Amino acid sequence: MYHYYTELMGMRDTIGEEDLYVDVSKTKLENEIKDKGRKIEVLQERLHRQDKQMQEIMATLKALGLEKQLKAKSNA
């Protein structure tokens, strides 16, 4: 639709979607994207640490011979 109006006004240049945002809005959106990216990285690191902890717990349970007892209780 904006192509129609720009041609109607005699403009022949193309307008990209990024041109529709005001500079302030564009900068704000870019900063929000960076912030969300950092939050995702933090959550991924936490998940990775939790996975390692679960592996350590399972290894300890296995070493103590409690793994089979734990599985039997959870299936009952």
PDB file of N, CA and C in Angstrom:
ATOM      1  N   MET A   1       0.818  -1.181   0.000  1.00  0.00           N
ATOM      2  CA  MET A   1       0.000   0.000   0.000  1.00  0.00           C
ATOM      3  C   MET A   1       0.876   1.264   0.000  1.00  0.00           C
ATOM      4  N   TYR A   2       1.962   1.197   0.746  1.00  0.00           N
ATOM      5  CA  TYR A   2       2.827   2.382   0.771  1.00  0.00           C
ATOM      6  C   TYR A   2       3.499   2.604  -0.576  1.00  0.00           C
ATOM      7  N   HIS A   3       3.672   1.519  -1.376  1.00  0.00           N
ATOM      8  CA  HIS A   3       4.238   1.696  -2.715  1.00  0.00           C
ATOM      9  C   HIS A   3       3.289   2.533  -3.581  1.00  0.00           C
ATOM     10  N   TYR A   4       2.003   2.267  -3.457  1.00  0.00           N
ATOM     11  CA  TYR A   4       1.008   3.014  -4.223  1.00  0.00           C
ATOM     12  C   TYR A   4       1.081   4.501  -3.903  1.00  0.00           C
ATOM     13  N   TYR A   5       1.102   4.838  -2.614  1.00  0.00           N
ATOM     14  CA  TYR A   5       1.099   6.245  -2.219  1.00  0.00           C
ATOM     15  C   TYR A   5       2.407   6.944  -2.550  1.00  0.00           C
ATOM     16  N   THR A   6       3.504   6.247  -2.464  1.00  0.00           N
ATOM     17  CA  THR A   6       4.773   6.896  -2.814  1.00  0.00           C
ATOM     18  C   THR A   6       4.820   7.199  -4.309  1.00  0.00           C
ATOM     19  N   GLU A   7       4.289   6.281  -5.123  1.00  0.00           N
ATOM     20  CA  GLU A   7       4.244   6.545  -6.562  1.00  0.00           C
ATOM     21  C   GLU A   7       3.261   7.669  -6.876  1.00  0.00           C
ATOM     22  N   LEU A   8       2.169   7.713  -6.120  1.00  0.00           N
ATOM     23  CA  LEU A   8       1.172   8.762  -6.306  1.00  0.00           C
ATOM     24  C   LEU A   8       1.781  10.134  -6.038  1.00  0.00           C
ATOM     25  N   MET A   9       2.708  10.209  -5.091  1.00  0.00           N
ATOM     26  CA  MET A   9       3.363  11.471  -4.759  1.00  0.00           C
ATOM     27  C   MET A   9       4.542  11.753  -5.683  1.00  0.00           C
ATOM     28  N   GLY A  10       4.803  10.843  -6.606  1.00  0.00           N
ATOM     29  CA  GLY A  10       5.874  11.073  -7.559  1.00  0.00           C
ATOM     30  C   GLY A  10       7.210  10.516  -7.129  1.00  0.00           C
ATOM     31  N   MET A  11       7.225   9.741  -6.078  1.00  0.00           N
ATOM     32  CA  MET A  11       8.473   9.146  -5.597  1.00  0.00           C
ATOM     33  C   MET A  11       8.661   7.790  -6.263  1.00  0.00           C
ATOM     34  N   ARG A  12       9.862   7.528  -6.685  1.00  0.00           N
ATOM     35  CA  ARG A  12      10.165   6.257  -7.339  1.00  0.00           C
ATOM     36  C   ARG A  12      11.048   5.348  -6.498  1.00  0.00           C
ATOM     37  N   ASP A  13      11.481   5.826  -5.365  1.00  0.00           N
ATOM     38  CA  ASP A  13      12.365   5.055  -4.490  1.00  0.00           C
ATOM     39  C   ASP A  13      11.556   3.969  -3.785  1.00  0.00           C
ATOM     40  N   THR A  14      12.215   2.876  -3.468  1.00  0.00           N
ATOM     41  CA  THR A  14      11.524   1.819  -2.734  1.00  0.00           C
ATOM     42  C   THR A  14      11.661   2.061  -1.237  1.00  0.00           C
ATOM     43  N   ILE A  15      10.661   1.657  -0.512  1.00  0.00           N
ATOM     44  CA  ILE A  15      10.663   1.810   0.940  1.00  0.00           C
ATOM     45  C   ILE A  15      10.744   0.421   1.543  1.00  0.00           C
ATOM     46  N   GLY A  16      11.796   0.206   2.314  1.00  0.00           N
ATOM     47  CA  GLY A  16      11.936  -1.069   3.011  1.00  0.00           C
ATOM     48  C   GLY A  16      11.218  -1.021   4.338  1.00  0.00           C
ATOM     49  N   GLU A  17      10.968  -2.189   4.902  1.00  0.00           N
ATOM     50  CA  GLU A  17      10.243  -2.243   6.167  1.00  0.00           C
ATOM     51  C   GLU A  17      10.994  -1.530   7.277  1.00  0.00           C
ATOM     52  N   GLU A  18      12.331  -1.569   7.216  1.00  0.00           N
ATOM     53  CA  GLU A  18      13.103  -0.878   8.252  1.00  0.00           C
ATOM     54  C   GLU A  18      12.958   0.629   8.171  1.00  0.00           C
ATOM     55  N   ASP A  19      12.594   1.145   6.995  1.00  0.00           N
ATOM     56  CA  ASP A  19      12.385   2.580   6.842  1.00  0.00           C
ATOM     57  C   ASP A  19      11.101   3.049   7.525  1.00  0.00           C
ATOM     58  N   LEU A  20      10.223   2.130   7.831  1.00  0.00           N
ATOM     59  CA  LEU A  20       8.953   2.492   8.442  1.00  0.00           C
ATOM     60  C   LEU A  20       9.083   2.782   9.925  1.00  0.00           C
ATOM     61  N   TYR A  21      10.160   2.338  10.535  1.00  0.00           N
ATOM     62  CA  TYR A  21      10.363   2.569  11.957  1.00  0.00           C
ATOM     63  C   TYR A  21      11.105   3.874  12.184  1.00  0.00           C
ATOM     64  N   VAL A  22      10.727   4.585  13.193  1.00  0.00           N
ATOM     65  CA  VAL A  22      11.440   5.788  13.588  1.00  0.00           C
ATOM     66  C   VAL A  22      12.765   5.329  14.186  1.00  0.00           C
ATOM     67  N   ASP A  23      13.803   6.135  14.045  1.00  0.00           N
ATOM     68  CA  ASP A  23      15.124   5.758  14.535  1.00  0.00           C
ATOM     69  C   ASP A  23      15.108   5.366  15.999  1.00  0.00           C
ATOM     70  N   VAL A  24      14.359   6.079  16.813  1.00  0.00           N
ATOM     71  CA  VAL A  24      14.301   5.783  18.242  1.00  0.00           C
ATOM     72  C   VAL A  24      13.671   4.416  18.464  1.00  0.00           C
ATOM     73  N   SER A  25      12.570   4.151  17.769  1.00  0.00           N
ATOM     74  CA  SER A  25      11.887   2.862  17.902  1.00  0.00           C
ATOM     75  C   SER A  25      12.785   1.728  17.427  1.00  0.00           C
ATOM     76  N   LYS A  26      13.472   1.956  16.340  1.00  0.00           N
ATOM     77  CA  LYS A  26      14.350   0.932  15.780  1.00  0.00           C
ATOM     78  C   LYS A  26      15.466   0.601  16.765  1.00  0.00           C
ATOM     79  N   THR A  27      16.073   1.613  17.354  1.00  0.00           N
ATOM     80  CA  THR A  27      17.136   1.403  18.335  1.00  0.00           C
ATOM     81  C   THR A  27      16.598   0.678  19.556  1.00  0.00           C
ATOM     82  N   LYS A  28      15.423   1.072  20.002  1.00  0.00           N
ATOM     83  CA  LYS A  28      14.803   0.422  21.163  1.00  0.00           C
ATOM     84  C   LYS A  28      14.547  -1.053  20.870  1.00  0.00           C
ATOM     85  N   LEU A  29      14.010  -1.349  19.698  1.00  0.00           N
ATOM     86  CA  LEU A  29      13.741  -2.741  19.325  1.00  0.00           C
ATOM     87  C   LEU A  29      15.030  -3.553  19.222  1.00  0.00           C
ATOM     88  N   GLU A  30      16.070  -2.955  18.664  1.00  0.00           N
ATOM     89  CA  GLU A  30      17.353  -3.648  18.556  1.00  0.00           C
ATOM     90  C   GLU A  30      17.910  -3.969  19.942  1.00  0.00           C
ATOM     91  N   ASN A  31      17.799  -3.018  20.873  1.00  0.00           N
ATOM     92  CA  ASN A  31      18.278  -3.245  22.243  1.00  0.00           C
ATOM     93  C   ASN A  31      17.464  -4.329  22.940  1.00  0.00           C
ATOM     94  N   GLU A  32      16.153  -4.344  22.705  1.00  0.00           N
ATOM     95  CA  GLU A  32      15.314  -5.381  23.301  1.00  0.00           C
ATOM     96  C   GLU A  32      15.692  -6.757  22.770  1.00  0.00           C
ATOM     97  N   ILE A  33      16.002  -6.833  21.499  1.00  0.00           N
ATOM     98  CA  ILE A  33      16.410  -8.112  20.904  1.00  0.00           C
ATOM     99  C   ILE A  33      17.714  -8.589  21.526  1.00  0.00           C
ATOM    100  N   LYS A  34      18.671  -7.692  21.704  1.00  0.00           N
ATOM    101  CA  LYS A  34      19.943  -8.052  22.330  1.00  0.00           C
ATOM    102  C   LYS A  34      19.727  -8.533  23.763  1.00  0.00           C
ATOM    103  N   ASP A  35      18.835  -7.830  24.495  1.00  0.00           N
ATOM    104  CA  ASP A  35      18.535  -8.204  25.879  1.00  0.00           C
ATOM    105  C   ASP A  35      17.907  -9.587  25.941  1.00  0.00           C
ATOM    106  N   LYS A  36      16.977  -9.849  25.053  1.00  0.00           N
ATOM    107  CA  LYS A  36      16.333 -11.172  25.013  1.00  0.00           C
ATOM    108  C   LYS A  36      17.358 -12.251  24.683  1.00  0.00           C
ATOM    109  N   GLY A  37      18.277 -11.945  23.792  1.00  0.00           N
ATOM    110  CA  GLY A  37      19.334 -12.893  23.446  1.00  0.00           C
ATOM    111  C   GLY A  37      20.197 -13.236  24.647  1.00  0.00           C
ATOM    112  N   ARG A  38      20.541 -12.225  25.453  1.00  0.00           N
ATOM    113  CA  ARG A  38      21.342 -12.462  26.656  1.00  0.00           C
ATOM    114  C   ARG A  38      20.572 -13.316  27.656  1.00  0.00           C
ATOM    115  N   LYS A  39      19.271 -13.045  27.802  1.00  0.00           N
ATOM    116  CA  LYS A  39      18.449 -13.834  28.723  1.00  0.00           C
ATOM    117  C   LYS A  39      18.375 -15.292  28.278  1.00  0.00           C
ATOM    118  N   ILE A  40      18.270 -15.516  26.999  1.00  0.00           N
ATOM    119  CA  ILE A  40      18.241 -16.881  26.471  1.00  0.00           C
ATOM    120  C   ILE A  40      19.553 -17.592  26.773  1.00  0.00           C
ATOM    121  N   GLU A  41      20.673 -16.893  26.603  1.00  0.00           N
ATOM    122  CA  GLU A  41      21.977 -17.479  26.892  1.00  0.00           C
ATOM    123  C   GLU A  41      22.090 -17.879  28.365  1.00  0.00           C
ATOM    124  N   VAL A  42      21.606 -17.013  29.263  1.00  0.00           N
ATOM    125  CA  VAL A  42      21.650 -17.306  30.702  1.00  0.00           C
ATOM    126  C   VAL A  42      20.807 -18.538  31.011  1.00  0.00           C
ATOM    127  N   LEU A  43      19.626 -18.614  30.431  1.00  0.00           N
ATOM    128  CA  LEU A  43      18.758 -19.761  30.662  1.00  0.00           C
ATOM    129  C   LEU A  43      19.373 -21.053  30.120  1.00  0.00           C
ATOM    130  N   GLN A  44      20.025 -20.965  28.980  1.00  0.00           N
ATOM    131  CA  GLN A  44      20.695 -22.138  28.418  1.00  0.00           C
ATOM    132  C   GLN A  44      21.836 -22.606  29.319  1.00  0.00           C
ATOM    133  N   GLU A  45      22.581 -21.667  29.878  1.00  0.00           N
ATOM    134  CA  GLU A  45      23.662 -22.022  30.803  1.00  0.00           C
ATOM    135  C   GLU A  45      23.106 -22.701  32.053  1.00  0.00           C
ATOM    136  N   ARG A  46      21.998 -22.181  32.586  1.00  0.00           N
ATOM    137  CA  ARG A  46      21.364 -22.795  33.761  1.00  0.00           C
ATOM    138  C   ARG A  46      20.909 -24.210  33.459  1.00  0.00           C
ATOM    139  N   LEU A  47      20.297 -24.386  32.315  1.00  0.00           N
ATOM    140  CA  LEU A  47      19.824 -25.704  31.916  1.00  0.00           C
ATOM    141  C   LEU A  47      20.988 -26.680  31.780  1.00  0.00           C
ATOM    142  N   HIS A  48      22.076 -26.211  31.213  1.00  0.00           N
ATOM    143  CA  HIS A  48      23.263 -27.048  31.055  1.00  0.00           C
ATOM    144  C   HIS A  48      23.809 -27.473  32.422  1.00  0.00           C
ATOM    145  N   ARG A  49      23.857 -26.523  33.368  1.00  0.00           N
ATOM    146  CA  ARG A  49      24.325 -26.850  34.729  1.00  0.00           C
ATOM    147  C   ARG A  49      23.398 -27.842  35.406  1.00  0.00           C
ATOM    148  N   GLN A  50      22.099 -27.672  35.236  1.00  0.00           N
ATOM    149  CA  GLN A  50      21.141 -28.591  35.835  1.00  0.00           C
ATOM    150  C   GLN A  50      21.270 -29.995  35.243  1.00  0.00           C
ATOM    151  N   ASP A  51      21.518 -30.068  33.949  1.00  0.00           N
ATOM    152  CA  ASP A  51      21.732 -31.370  33.309  1.00  0.00           C
ATOM    153  C   ASP A  51      22.954 -32.064  33.903  1.00  0.00           C
ATOM    154  N   LYS A  52      24.024 -31.308  34.097  1.00  0.00           N
ATOM    155  CA  LYS A  52      25.235 -31.881  34.696  1.00  0.00           C
ATOM    156  C   LYS A  52      24.954 -32.370  36.118  1.00  0.00           C
ATOM    157  N   GLN A  53      24.206 -31.568  36.881  1.00  0.00           N
ATOM    158  CA  GLN A  53      23.881 -31.964  38.248  1.00  0.00           C
ATOM    159  C   GLN A  53      23.037 -33.237  38.263  1.00  0.00           C
ATOM    160  N   MET A  54      22.079 -33.351  37.362  1.00  0.00           N
ATOM    161  CA  MET A  54      21.252 -34.557  37.288  1.00  0.00           C
ATOM    162  C   MET A  54      22.095 -35.779  36.935  1.00  0.00           C
ATOM    163  N   GLN A  55      23.037 -35.607  36.039  1.00  0.00           N
ATOM    164  CA  GLN A  55      23.930 -36.717  35.681  1.00  0.00           C
ATOM    165  C   GLN A  55      24.766 -37.143  36.881  1.00  0.00           C
ATOM    166  N   GLU A  56      25.243 -36.170  37.651  1.00  0.00           N
ATOM    167  CA  GLU A  56      26.026 -36.483  38.846  1.00  0.00           C
ATOM    168  C   GLU A  56      25.169 -37.201  39.890  1.00  0.00           C
ATOM    169  N   ILE A  57      23.930 -36.754  40.057  1.00  0.00           N
ATOM    170  CA  ILE A  57      23.028 -37.397  41.009  1.00  0.00           C
ATOM    171  C   ILE A  57      22.743 -38.833  40.581  1.00  0.00           C
ATOM    172  N   MET A  58      22.464 -39.028  39.309  1.00  0.00           N
ATOM    173  CA  MET A  58      22.186 -40.387  38.812  1.00  0.00           C
ATOM    174  C   MET A  58      23.410 -41.286  38.953  1.00  0.00           C
ATOM    175  N   ALA A  59      24.590 -40.741  38.720  1.00  0.00           N
ATOM    176  CA  ALA A  59      25.810 -41.533  38.880  1.00  0.00           C
ATOM    177  C   ALA A  59      25.993 -41.928  40.339  1.00  0.00           C
ATOM    178  N   THR A  60      25.701 -41.012  41.248  1.00  0.00           N
ATOM    179  CA  THR A  60      25.808 -41.305  42.682  1.00  0.00           C
ATOM    180  C   THR A  60      24.804 -42.363  43.090  1.00  0.00           C
ATOM    181  N   LEU A  61      23.555 -42.221  42.626  1.00  0.00           N
ATOM    182  CA  LEU A  61      22.529 -43.218  42.938  1.00  0.00           C
ATOM    183  C   LEU A  61      22.901 -44.590  42.388  1.00  0.00           C
ATOM    184  N   LYS A  62      23.432 -44.596  41.186  1.00  0.00           N
ATOM    185  CA  LYS A  62      23.837 -45.858  40.562  1.00  0.00           C
ATOM    186  C   LYS A  62      24.950 -46.494  41.379  1.00  0.00           C
ATOM    187  N   ALA A  63      25.876 -45.674  41.810  1.00  0.00           N
ATOM    188  CA  ALA A  63      26.991 -46.192  42.609  1.00  0.00           C
ATOM    189  C   ALA A  63      26.501 -46.748  43.936  1.00  0.00           C
ATOM    190  N   LEU A  64      25.462 -46.176  44.463  1.00  0.00           N
ATOM    191  CA  LEU A  64      24.925 -46.651  45.734  1.00  0.00           C
ATOM    192  C   LEU A  64      23.916 -47.787  45.557  1.00  0.00           C
ATOM    193  N   GLY A  65      23.606 -48.115  44.303  1.00  0.00           N
ATOM    194  CA  GLY A  65      22.666 -49.194  44.043  1.00  0.00           C
ATOM    195  C   GLY A  65      21.225 -48.793  44.279  1.00  0.00           C
ATOM    196  N   LEU A  66      20.950 -47.518  44.346  1.00  0.00           N
ATOM    197  CA  LEU A  66      19.604 -47.038  44.625  1.00  0.00           C
ATOM    198  C   LEU A  66      18.811 -46.723  43.367  1.00  0.00           C
ATOM    199  N   GLU A  67      19.457 -46.778  42.247  1.00  0.00           N
ATOM    200  CA  GLU A  67      18.793 -46.412  40.999  1.00  0.00           C
ATOM    201  C   GLU A  67      17.604 -47.329  40.724  1.00  0.00           C
ATOM    202  N   LYS A  68      17.776 -48.637  40.899  1.00  0.00           N
ATOM    203  CA  LYS A  68      16.696 -49.579  40.635  1.00  0.00           C
ATOM    204  C   LYS A  68      15.542 -49.372  41.606  1.00  0.00           C
ATOM    205  N   GLN A  69      15.858 -49.084  42.862  1.00  0.00           N
ATOM    206  CA  GLN A  69      14.809 -48.847  43.849  1.00  0.00           C
ATOM    207  C   GLN A  69      14.016 -47.588  43.502  1.00  0.00           C
ATOM    208  N   LEU A  70      14.693 -46.569  43.071  1.00  0.00           N
ATOM    209  CA  LEU A  70      14.054 -45.315  42.712  1.00  0.00           C
ATOM    210  C   LEU A  70      13.131 -45.497  41.509  1.00  0.00           C
ATOM    211  N   LYS A  71      13.582 -46.226  40.502  1.00  0.00           N
ATOM    212  CA  LYS A  71      12.759 -46.476  39.320  1.00  0.00           C
ATOM    213  C   LYS A  71      11.553 -47.326  39.680  1.00  0.00           C
ATOM    214  N   ALA A  72      11.718 -48.305  40.553  1.00  0.00           N
ATOM    215  CA  ALA A  72      10.606 -49.168  40.946  1.00  0.00           C
ATOM    216  C   ALA A  72       9.544 -48.352  41.673  1.00  0.00           C
ATOM    217  N   LYS A  73       9.936 -47.427  42.520  1.00  0.00           N
ATOM    218  CA  LYS A  73       8.976 -46.591  43.250  1.00  0.00           C
ATOM    219  C   LYS A  73       8.245 -45.645  42.306  1.00  0.00           C
ATOM    220  N   SER A  74       8.937 -45.115  41.319  1.00  0.00           N
ATOM    221  CA  SER A  74       8.293 -44.169  40.414  1.00  0.00           C
ATOM    222  C   SER A  74       7.338 -44.871  39.465  1.00  0.00           C
ATOM    223  N   ASN A  75       7.575 -46.160  39.161  1.00  0.00           N
ATOM    224  CA  ASN A  75       6.687 -46.902  38.276  1.00  0.00           C
ATOM    225  C   ASN A  75       5.463 -47.433  39.028  1.00  0.00           C
ATOM    226  N   ALA A  76       5.549 -47.528  40.327  1.00  0.00           N
ATOM    227  CA  ALA A  76       4.434 -48.085  41.112  1.00  0.00           C
ATOM    228  C   ALA A  76       3.319 -47.121  41.309  1.00  0.00           C
TER     229      ALA A  76
END
